[in-house]
Amino acid sequence: MNWQLTLGASSMAALAVWLSSRCFAHPVSPFSAFYVAWFSSLALYGAGWIAYTPVRASTWLLIALSLAAFGAGWSIPYLSWDARRVRSSGELRRGISEARLYQAIRLCFALGAIGLAGFLYSVHSTLGLAAYIEAPHEIRQAMSAGGEVSEGIKPFNWLNVSNVVLSSLYLFALGGRRRLQVWFVLGFSAAAVLLMEDRTRFFYATLWAGFMLSFSMKLRAKKIVAGLGIVAVILLAQFIAVAAWLGKVAENSPVLMDSSRASSSTLALLPPYMYATSSFPALQAYLDTAPRPTYGAMTFYPLFKLWKLVDPTLESPAIVADFVSIPLEANTFTWLHQFYTDFGVAGVFLGPLLTGLLASGLYFHMLRTRNFYSTYATALLCFCLTLSIMVNHLTQGPAWFFLASGAVIACYIRAGRTESAAASEEAQ
């Protein structure tokens, strides 16, 4: 175990939360989400539960460069920020029409139900619904690229993720009147996410909703940290439960067991530990393959897909990377995967720099305006930055879809003057 790395990284994670609370008006921000995720992952890596291929100094330098670049980008909008213009989180409800938000939730529920029904029909037609009990891993395998099970209208299924966020906002931040109906929608949407057998979607829904509520409710710092701690426990429990359901446990992986340094009492924690820490040695193994540059096709992949409709001769980049041996098999290389493949070392610096600039500008705009869309987008960005230790969700279609659909929802649910005045009276 590398005690110096574990203790140093843990201290840096705590420092990020303190700086966010002290300097950026809230303990939860894109700044703290990013640095807590990275330094917590590094602290776990230092625990040495798995004997990975050693990471060379050159790879650590690239990682350090990206961490410094994000901070540099973040500092630019911060330097011109006026802390006196921060509005209370409770003001968010004044700009939202409860009735219209409820209608938006109903529409997302209907479309999400259609998407789930299409997926379940595909499962029924190929494997039978009994596969959820008898062989759930076969469903996941059949969902892979070119597999027999299709999601059908994929955007409709993703609306079940965003509806967890919208329903949570309605119930806990707005305290809407139609609570029973919205509780039903929230339960349905969460179940729909679980039925997809995709742990990322559950993480998406839970973390995004947690960040959204932390920005939307008047909570003390202790309650926010406690709430996010509870979310972390829920995610860990869900990860372990789904791993057991799909048979993706340590005992079923001989390579993982051979590489394990953990005690027998902690074997259940090995799969989540691997997901949280394997990206560092995997990134080094990926760099050793000398990937061919893709010149922006991966960083701006949603735009590339649209352009490919115009020019079908374009060669698509390998979004799902090949596995590398570290010595166990892994294919997540942190969010630097796309930046490096597109632009090399320059991308490792410029990608985090520009993301930090965007995150900071959006966050301080949210504090100044407290409108729905800036809060919605900031919470989404916090999720993407949290999982940047594994993959780059900012370059993937769902995040772009959520930003676009959120803009439509924001325009629809904007409260009129009468509703804003009523919300102000209730708040007082």
Protein backbone atom coordinates (compact mmCIF):
# COMPACT_ATOMS: atom_id res chain seq x y z
CA MET A 1 0.00 0.00 0.00
CA ASN A 2 1.22 3.48 -0.90
CA TRP A 3 0.29 5.41 2.23
CA GLN A 4 1.77 8.65 0.93
CA LEU A 5 -0.43 8.62 -2.17
CA THR A 6 -3.55 7.57 -0.26
CA LEU A 7 -3.20 10.15 2.51
CA GLY A 8 -2.05 12.92 0.17
CA ALA A 9 -4.85 12.35 -2.33
CA SER A 10 -7.46 12.09 0.45
CA SER A 11 -6.25 15.42 1.84
CA MET A 12 -6.52 17.01 -1.60
CA ALA A 13 -10.09 15.73 -1.99
CA ALA A 14 -11.02 17.28 1.36
CA LEU A 15 -9.26 20.51 0.35
CA ALA A 16 -11.32 20.68 -2.86
CA VAL A 17 -14.57 20.56 -0.86
CA TRP A 18 -13.28 23.21 1.56
CA LEU A 19 -12.18 25.50 -1.27
CA SER A 20 -15.51 25.08 -3.03
CA SER A 21 -17.42 25.98 0.14
CA ARG A 22 -15.11 28.83 1.11
CA CYS A 23 -14.41 30.41 -2.27
CA PHE A 24 -17.20 29.26 -4.60
CA ALA A 25 -20.26 29.66 -2.33
CA HIS A 26 -21.18 25.97 -2.15
CA PRO A 27 -19.41 22.77 -1.05
CA VAL A 28 -20.77 21.05 -4.15
CA SER A 29 -19.64 22.50 -7.46
CA PRO A 30 -18.12 21.26 -10.72
CA PHE A 31 -14.76 22.10 -9.14
CA SER A 32 -15.27 19.88 -6.09
CA ALA A 33 -17.01 17.15 -8.11
CA PHE A 34 -14.04 16.89 -10.45
CA TYR A 35 -11.24 17.01 -7.92
CA VAL A 36 -12.98 14.85 -5.29
CA ALA A 37 -13.57 12.17 -7.92
CA TRP A 38 -9.97 12.21 -9.15
CA PHE A 39 -8.23 12.45 -5.80
CA SER A 40 -10.53 9.85 -4.24
CA SER A 41 -9.73 7.50 -7.12
CA LEU A 42 -6.03 8.14 -6.66
CA ALA A 43 -6.37 7.48 -2.93
CA LEU A 44 -8.04 4.15 -3.66
CA TYR A 45 -5.36 3.32 -6.23
CA GLY A 46 -2.77 3.86 -3.53
CA ALA A 47 -4.49 1.24 -1.37
CA GLY A 48 -3.10 -1.36 -3.77
CA TRP A 49 -5.89 -3.93 -3.64
CA ILE A 50 -5.03 -5.05 -7.18
CA ALA A 51 -1.53 -5.65 -8.53
CA TYR A 52 -1.81 -3.54 -11.68
CA THR A 53 0.89 -3.05 -14.26
CA PRO A 54 2.98 -0.20 -12.76
CA VAL A 55 2.17 3.23 -14.17
CA ARG A 56 5.19 5.09 -15.55
CA ALA A 57 6.13 8.66 -14.67
CA SER A 58 5.21 9.91 -18.18
CA THR A 59 1.57 8.85 -17.70
CA TRP A 60 1.39 10.45 -14.25
CA LEU A 61 2.73 13.66 -15.78
CA LEU A 62 -0.07 13.67 -18.36
CA ILE A 63 -2.64 13.14 -15.60
CA ALA A 64 -1.07 15.94 -13.53
CA LEU A 65 -1.12 18.21 -16.59
CA SER A 66 -4.85 17.58 -17.10
CA LEU A 67 -5.64 18.25 -13.43
CA ALA A 68 -3.71 21.51 -13.49
CA ALA A 69 -5.31 22.54 -16.81
CA PHE A 70 -8.83 22.11 -15.43
CA GLY A 71 -7.96 24.31 -12.46
CA ALA A 72 -6.44 26.93 -14.74
CA GLY A 73 -9.57 27.01 -16.89
CA TRP A 74 -11.79 27.21 -13.80
CA SER A 75 -9.91 30.20 -12.41
CA ILE A 76 -10.55 32.47 -15.42
CA PRO A 77 -14.30 33.13 -14.88
CA TYR A 78 -13.74 33.02 -11.11
CA LEU A 79 -11.41 36.01 -11.23
CA SER A 80 -14.22 38.20 -12.61
CA TRP A 81 -16.96 36.74 -10.40
CA ASP A 82 -18.76 39.03 -7.94
CA ALA A 83 -19.71 37.03 -4.83
CA ARG A 84 -22.27 39.70 -3.89
CA ARG A 85 -24.47 38.65 -6.81
CA VAL A 86 -25.11 35.13 -5.54
CA ARG A 87 -28.80 34.32 -5.23
CA SER A 88 -30.37 31.91 -2.78
CA SER A 89 -31.05 28.37 -4.01
CA GLY A 90 -34.65 28.81 -2.90
CA GLU A 91 -35.20 31.35 -5.69
CA LEU A 92 -35.13 28.58 -8.29
CA ARG A 93 -38.75 27.64 -7.58
CA ARG A 94 -39.93 31.17 -8.38
CA GLY A 95 -38.97 30.74 -12.01
CA ILE A 96 -40.61 27.32 -12.47
CA SER A 97 -44.27 26.68 -13.15
CA GLU A 98 -45.24 23.69 -11.01
CA ALA A 99 -48.17 22.84 -13.30
CA ARG A 100 -46.04 22.92 -16.43
CA LEU A 101 -43.24 20.91 -14.83
CA TYR A 102 -45.84 18.29 -13.96
CA GLN A 103 -46.99 18.20 -17.59
CA ALA A 104 -43.38 17.84 -18.75
CA ILE A 105 -42.92 14.94 -16.33
CA ARG A 106 -46.08 13.30 -17.69
CA LEU A 107 -44.87 13.63 -21.27
CA CYS A 108 -41.43 12.22 -20.44
CA PHE A 109 -43.15 9.40 -18.57
CA ALA A 110 -45.31 8.52 -21.58
CA LEU A 111 -42.39 8.60 -24.02
CA GLY A 112 -40.14 6.73 -21.57
CA ALA A 113 -42.81 4.04 -21.16
CA ILE A 114 -42.95 3.62 -24.94
CA GLY A 115 -39.16 3.28 -25.04
CA LEU A 116 -39.14 0.71 -22.24
CA ALA A 117 -41.99 -1.25 -23.85
CA GLY A 118 -40.05 -1.42 -27.11
CA PHE A 119 -36.96 -2.69 -25.31
CA LEU A 120 -38.90 -5.30 -23.30
CA TYR A 121 -40.59 -6.49 -26.50
CA SER A 122 -37.16 -6.93 -28.08
CA VAL A 123 -35.99 -8.95 -25.06
CA HIS A 124 -39.18 -11.03 -25.14
CA SER A 125 -38.81 -11.74 -28.87
CA THR A 126 -35.20 -12.90 -28.62
CA LEU A 127 -34.55 -14.37 -25.18
CA GLY A 128 -37.85 -14.23 -23.36
CA LEU A 129 -38.57 -12.08 -20.31
CA ALA A 130 -37.68 -15.03 -18.09
CA ALA A 131 -34.05 -14.28 -18.98
CA TYR A 132 -34.14 -11.47 -16.39
CA ILE A 133 -34.28 -14.24 -13.77
CA GLU A 134 -32.66 -17.21 -15.46
CA ALA A 135 -29.81 -15.59 -17.42
CA PRO A 136 -29.66 -11.79 -17.02
CA HIS A 137 -26.11 -11.69 -18.38
CA GLU A 138 -27.39 -12.91 -21.75
CA ILE A 139 -29.55 -9.79 -22.07
CA ARG A 140 -26.54 -7.58 -21.50
CA GLN A 141 -24.50 -9.54 -24.04
CA ALA A 142 -27.31 -9.33 -26.60
CA MET A 143 -27.41 -5.54 -26.17
CA SER A 144 -23.81 -5.12 -27.33
CA ALA A 145 -23.04 -3.59 -30.71
CA GLY A 146 -24.67 -5.67 -33.42
CA GLY A 147 -26.50 -7.78 -30.84
CA GLU A 148 -30.00 -9.20 -31.16
CA VAL A 149 -31.63 -7.02 -28.49
CA SER A 150 -32.35 -3.46 -29.59
CA GLU A 151 -33.38 -0.46 -27.50
CA GLY A 152 -35.73 0.69 -30.22
CA ILE A 153 -36.20 4.43 -29.80
CA LYS A 154 -33.12 5.06 -27.64
CA PRO A 155 -33.86 8.74 -26.82
CA PHE A 156 -37.20 7.68 -25.30
CA ASN A 157 -35.38 5.28 -22.97
CA TRP A 158 -32.98 8.02 -21.93
CA LEU A 159 -35.95 10.18 -20.92
CA ASN A 160 -36.45 7.75 -18.03
CA VAL A 161 -33.07 8.96 -16.73
CA SER A 162 -33.94 12.65 -17.01
CA ASN A 163 -37.36 12.00 -15.47
CA VAL A 164 -35.68 10.82 -12.27
CA VAL A 165 -34.11 14.28 -12.10
CA LEU A 166 -37.31 16.16 -12.96
CA SER A 167 -39.43 14.12 -10.55
CA SER A 168 -36.92 14.59 -7.73
CA LEU A 169 -36.93 18.35 -8.37
CA TYR A 170 -40.74 18.43 -8.28
CA LEU A 171 -41.00 16.39 -5.08
CA PHE A 172 -38.16 17.69 -2.95
CA ALA A 173 -37.30 21.19 -4.19
CA LEU A 174 -40.69 22.47 -5.36
CA GLY A 175 -42.89 20.41 -3.01
CA GLY A 176 -45.48 20.03 -5.76
CA ARG A 177 -49.13 19.23 -5.07
CA ARG A 178 -49.42 16.09 -7.22
CA ARG A 179 -46.97 14.16 -5.08
CA LEU A 180 -48.57 10.71 -5.34
CA GLN A 181 -48.58 10.73 -9.13
CA VAL A 182 -45.01 11.99 -9.33
CA TRP A 183 -43.81 9.44 -6.77
CA PHE A 184 -45.26 6.78 -9.07
CA VAL A 185 -43.42 8.27 -12.06
CA LEU A 186 -40.18 8.41 -10.07
CA GLY A 187 -40.51 4.75 -9.08
CA PHE A 188 -41.33 3.73 -12.65
CA SER A 189 -38.42 5.69 -14.11
CA ALA A 190 -35.96 4.22 -11.59
CA ALA A 191 -37.23 0.70 -12.34
CA ALA A 192 -36.97 1.35 -16.08
CA VAL A 193 -33.34 2.42 -15.64
CA LEU A 194 -32.58 -0.76 -13.68
CA LEU A 195 -34.25 -2.98 -16.28
CA MET A 196 -31.77 -1.76 -18.87
CA GLU A 197 -29.04 -3.61 -16.90
CA ASP A 198 -26.78 -0.62 -17.47
CA ARG A 199 -25.08 0.54 -14.28
CA THR A 200 -24.05 3.78 -15.97
CA ARG A 201 -27.68 4.84 -16.41
CA PHE A 202 -28.44 4.30 -12.75
CA PHE A 203 -25.34 6.31 -11.84
CA TYR A 204 -26.44 8.95 -14.34
CA ALA A 205 -29.91 9.27 -12.82
CA THR A 206 -28.87 9.12 -9.16
CA LEU A 207 -25.84 11.41 -9.26
CA TRP A 208 -27.46 13.92 -11.60
CA ALA A 209 -30.55 14.09 -9.36
CA GLY A 210 -28.35 14.42 -6.27
CA PHE A 211 -26.40 17.32 -7.75
CA MET A 212 -29.63 18.94 -8.95
CA LEU A 213 -31.16 18.84 -5.49
CA SER A 214 -28.00 20.11 -3.81
CA PHE A 215 -28.23 23.23 -6.01
CA SER A 216 -32.02 23.61 -5.66
CA MET A 217 -32.66 23.32 -1.93
CA LYS A 218 -31.69 25.37 1.09
CA LEU A 219 -29.47 22.89 2.89
CA ARG A 220 -26.59 23.28 5.28
CA ALA A 221 -23.20 21.99 4.23
CA LYS A 222 -23.38 19.06 6.66
CA LYS A 223 -26.70 17.89 5.21
CA ILE A 224 -25.40 18.21 1.66
CA VAL A 225 -22.29 16.17 2.41
CA ALA A 226 -24.36 13.60 4.34
CA GLY A 227 -26.84 13.38 1.47
CA LEU A 228 -24.12 12.83 -1.10
CA GLY A 229 -22.60 10.22 1.23
CA ILE A 230 -25.91 8.38 1.27
CA VAL A 231 -26.01 8.58 -2.53
CA ALA A 232 -22.51 7.06 -2.65
CA VAL A 233 -23.63 4.16 -0.44
CA ILE A 234 -26.70 3.58 -2.64
CA LEU A 235 -24.55 3.55 -5.78
CA LEU A 236 -22.07 1.12 -4.22
CA ALA A 237 -24.88 -1.19 -3.12
CA GLN A 238 -26.47 -1.03 -6.58
CA PHE A 239 -23.15 -1.72 -8.26
CA ILE A 240 -22.50 -4.79 -6.11
CA ALA A 241 -26.09 -6.04 -6.49
CA VAL A 242 -26.05 -5.71 -10.30
CA ALA A 243 -22.61 -7.34 -10.45
CA ALA A 244 -23.98 -10.32 -8.50
CA TRP A 245 -27.10 -10.39 -10.69
CA LEU A 246 -25.04 -10.47 -13.89
CA GLY A 247 -22.42 -12.81 -12.47
CA LYS A 248 -19.68 -10.16 -12.71
CA VAL A 249 -18.14 -10.95 -9.34
CA ALA A 250 -14.48 -11.34 -8.46
CA GLU A 251 -14.76 -15.11 -7.97
CA ASN A 252 -15.81 -15.51 -11.62
CA SER A 253 -12.69 -13.73 -12.91
CA PRO A 254 -9.52 -15.83 -12.49
CA VAL A 255 -7.27 -13.00 -13.68
CA LEU A 256 -8.77 -10.59 -11.16
CA MET A 257 -8.42 -13.13 -8.37
CA ASP A 258 -4.78 -13.76 -9.30
CA SER A 259 -4.07 -10.01 -9.26
CA SER A 260 -5.95 -9.38 -6.01
CA ARG A 261 -4.18 -8.35 -2.84
CA ALA A 262 -7.41 -7.86 -0.91
CA SER A 263 -8.58 -10.11 1.91
CA SER A 264 -11.37 -12.62 1.37
CA SER A 265 -13.76 -10.43 3.40
CA THR A 266 -13.49 -7.61 0.85
CA LEU A 267 -13.84 -9.62 -2.38
CA ALA A 268 -17.31 -8.16 -3.01
CA LEU A 269 -15.69 -4.72 -3.21
CA LEU A 270 -13.10 -5.73 -5.81
CA PRO A 271 -15.25 -5.07 -8.94
CA PRO A 272 -16.17 -1.47 -7.91
CA TYR A 273 -12.57 -0.94 -6.78
CA MET A 274 -11.37 -2.08 -10.20
CA TYR A 275 -13.76 0.27 -12.00
CA ALA A 276 -12.64 3.18 -9.81
CA THR A 277 -8.89 2.63 -10.23
CA SER A 278 -8.10 0.62 -13.36
CA SER A 279 -8.30 3.58 -15.73
CA PHE A 280 -4.83 4.83 -14.74
CA PRO A 281 -2.84 1.76 -15.80
CA ALA A 282 -5.29 1.22 -18.68
CA LEU A 283 -4.55 4.73 -19.96
CA GLN A 284 -0.85 3.92 -20.01
CA ALA A 285 -1.47 0.66 -21.90
CA TYR A 286 -3.62 2.57 -24.41
CA LEU A 287 -0.93 5.20 -24.94
CA ASP A 288 1.56 2.40 -25.60
CA THR A 289 -0.54 1.30 -28.60
CA ALA A 290 0.25 4.64 -30.33
CA PRO A 291 -3.37 5.28 -31.42
CA ARG A 292 -3.97 6.89 -34.78
CA PRO A 293 -5.18 10.51 -34.35
CA THR A 294 -8.84 11.18 -35.12
CA TYR A 295 -8.68 15.00 -35.22
CA GLY A 296 -11.83 15.85 -33.26
CA ALA A 297 -14.08 12.99 -34.36
CA MET A 298 -14.15 11.51 -30.84
CA THR A 299 -14.37 14.73 -28.82
CA PHE A 300 -17.24 15.98 -31.00
CA TYR A 301 -18.66 12.56 -31.83
CA PRO A 302 -22.37 13.60 -31.87
CA LEU A 303 -21.54 16.25 -34.49
CA PHE A 304 -19.43 13.72 -36.38
CA LYS A 305 -22.41 11.34 -36.57
CA LEU A 306 -24.54 14.10 -38.06
CA TRP A 307 -21.84 14.94 -40.59
CA LYS A 308 -21.52 11.28 -41.48
CA LEU A 309 -25.15 11.35 -42.62
CA VAL A 310 -24.05 13.93 -45.20
CA ASP A 311 -20.83 12.12 -46.10
CA PRO A 312 -21.19 8.34 -45.51
CA THR A 313 -17.60 7.76 -46.68
CA LEU A 314 -16.20 9.12 -43.41
CA GLU A 315 -14.51 6.50 -41.26
CA SER A 316 -16.05 6.25 -37.80
CA PRO A 317 -13.65 6.26 -34.83
CA ALA A 318 -13.66 3.36 -32.38
CA ILE A 319 -15.81 4.85 -29.63
CA VAL A 320 -15.85 1.57 -27.69
CA ALA A 321 -12.15 0.93 -27.21
CA ASP A 322 -10.47 -2.45 -27.44
CA PHE A 323 -9.50 -4.07 -24.18
CA VAL A 324 -5.94 -3.81 -22.90
CA SER A 325 -4.19 -6.06 -20.40
CA ILE A 326 -3.08 -4.51 -17.08
CA PRO A 327 -2.91 -7.60 -16.49
CA LEU A 328 -6.71 -7.92 -16.18
CA GLU A 329 -8.77 -6.72 -19.15
CA ALA A 330 -9.91 -3.07 -19.16
CA ASN A 331 -11.13 -0.58 -21.75
CA THR A 332 -11.77 2.65 -19.83
CA PHE A 333 -8.91 5.14 -20.06
CA THR A 334 -10.28 8.17 -18.15
CA TRP A 335 -11.77 11.12 -20.00
CA LEU A 336 -8.35 11.77 -21.52
CA HIS A 337 -8.98 8.92 -23.98
CA GLN A 338 -10.86 11.13 -26.45
CA PHE A 339 -8.75 14.24 -25.90
CA TYR A 340 -5.48 12.39 -26.47
CA THR A 341 -6.71 10.35 -29.43
CA ASP A 342 -7.95 13.47 -31.18
CA PHE A 343 -5.17 15.96 -30.43
CA GLY A 344 -2.33 14.20 -28.60
CA VAL A 345 -0.66 15.91 -25.64
CA ALA A 346 -2.18 19.23 -26.70
CA GLY A 347 -5.62 17.67 -26.22
CA VAL A 348 -4.69 16.48 -22.72
CA PHE A 349 -4.08 20.14 -21.83
CA LEU A 350 -6.67 21.96 -23.94
CA GLY A 351 -9.58 19.57 -23.29
CA PRO A 352 -9.54 19.96 -19.48
CA LEU A 353 -8.64 23.66 -19.78
CA LEU A 354 -11.67 24.48 -21.93
CA THR A 355 -13.91 22.20 -19.87
CA GLY A 356 -12.81 23.95 -16.69
CA LEU A 357 -13.51 27.31 -18.35
CA LEU A 358 -16.98 26.15 -19.43
CA ALA A 359 -17.77 24.55 -16.06
CA SER A 360 -16.73 27.65 -14.12
CA GLY A 361 -18.64 30.04 -16.36
CA LEU A 362 -21.79 27.93 -16.21
CA TYR A 363 -21.58 27.45 -12.44
CA PHE A 364 -21.16 31.13 -11.62
CA HIS A 365 -23.94 31.97 -14.08
CA MET A 366 -26.16 29.53 -12.16
CA LEU A 367 -25.33 31.21 -8.85
CA ARG A 368 -26.19 34.58 -10.37
CA THR A 369 -29.45 33.61 -12.11
CA ARG A 370 -30.82 30.52 -10.31
CA ASN A 371 -32.88 29.56 -13.35
CA PHE A 372 -33.89 26.03 -14.24
CA TYR A 373 -31.64 25.44 -17.23
CA SER A 374 -28.39 26.67 -15.71
CA THR A 375 -29.05 24.52 -12.63
CA TYR A 376 -30.03 21.52 -14.76
CA ALA A 377 -26.94 21.85 -16.98
CA THR A 378 -24.56 22.45 -14.07
CA ALA A 379 -25.81 19.33 -12.28
CA LEU A 380 -25.41 17.33 -15.50
CA LEU A 381 -21.88 18.67 -15.92
CA CYS A 382 -21.07 17.67 -12.32
CA PHE A 383 -22.09 14.10 -13.12
CA CYS A 384 -19.90 14.03 -16.24
CA LEU A 385 -16.92 15.39 -14.29
CA THR A 386 -17.44 12.86 -11.48
CA LEU A 387 -17.21 9.95 -13.90
CA SER A 388 -14.32 11.49 -15.83
CA ILE A 389 -12.05 9.15 -13.88
CA MET A 390 -13.42 6.40 -16.14
CA VAL A 391 -14.93 7.78 -19.34
CA ASN A 392 -15.71 11.06 -21.08
CA HIS A 393 -19.48 11.51 -20.97
CA LEU A 394 -19.15 15.05 -22.29
CA THR A 395 -18.28 13.67 -25.72
CA GLN A 396 -21.15 11.17 -25.85
CA GLY A 397 -24.63 11.50 -27.29
CA PRO A 398 -26.74 11.22 -24.10
CA ALA A 399 -25.21 14.33 -22.50
CA TRP A 400 -25.82 16.33 -25.69
CA PHE A 401 -29.37 14.95 -25.87
CA PHE A 402 -30.06 15.95 -22.27
CA LEU A 403 -28.74 19.46 -22.88
CA ALA A 404 -30.95 19.87 -25.96
CA SER A 405 -34.09 18.38 -24.41
CA GLY A 406 -33.46 20.37 -21.21
CA ALA A 407 -33.49 23.60 -23.21
CA VAL A 408 -36.94 22.72 -24.57
CA ILE A 409 -38.22 21.81 -21.11
CA ALA A 410 -36.78 25.02 -19.64
CA CYS A 411 -38.66 27.16 -22.15
CA TYR A 412 -41.93 25.32 -21.46
CA ILE A 413 -41.86 25.32 -17.64
CA ARG A 414 -40.84 28.95 -17.21
CA ALA A 415 -43.23 30.56 -14.76
CA GLY A 416 -45.29 33.59 -15.69
CA ARG A 417 -45.44 36.70 -13.54
CA THR A 418 -48.48 35.51 -11.57
CA GLU A 419 -46.88 32.13 -10.79
CA SER A 420 -43.57 33.76 -9.83
CA ALA A 421 -45.32 36.08 -7.42
CA ALA A 422 -47.25 33.19 -5.87
CA ALA A 423 -44.04 31.19 -5.44
CA SER A 424 -42.38 34.19 -3.80
CA GLU A 425 -45.26 34.52 -1.32
CA GLU A 426 -45.04 30.81 -0.46
CA ALA A 427 -41.28 31.08 0.07
CA GLN A 428 -41.82 33.98 2.47
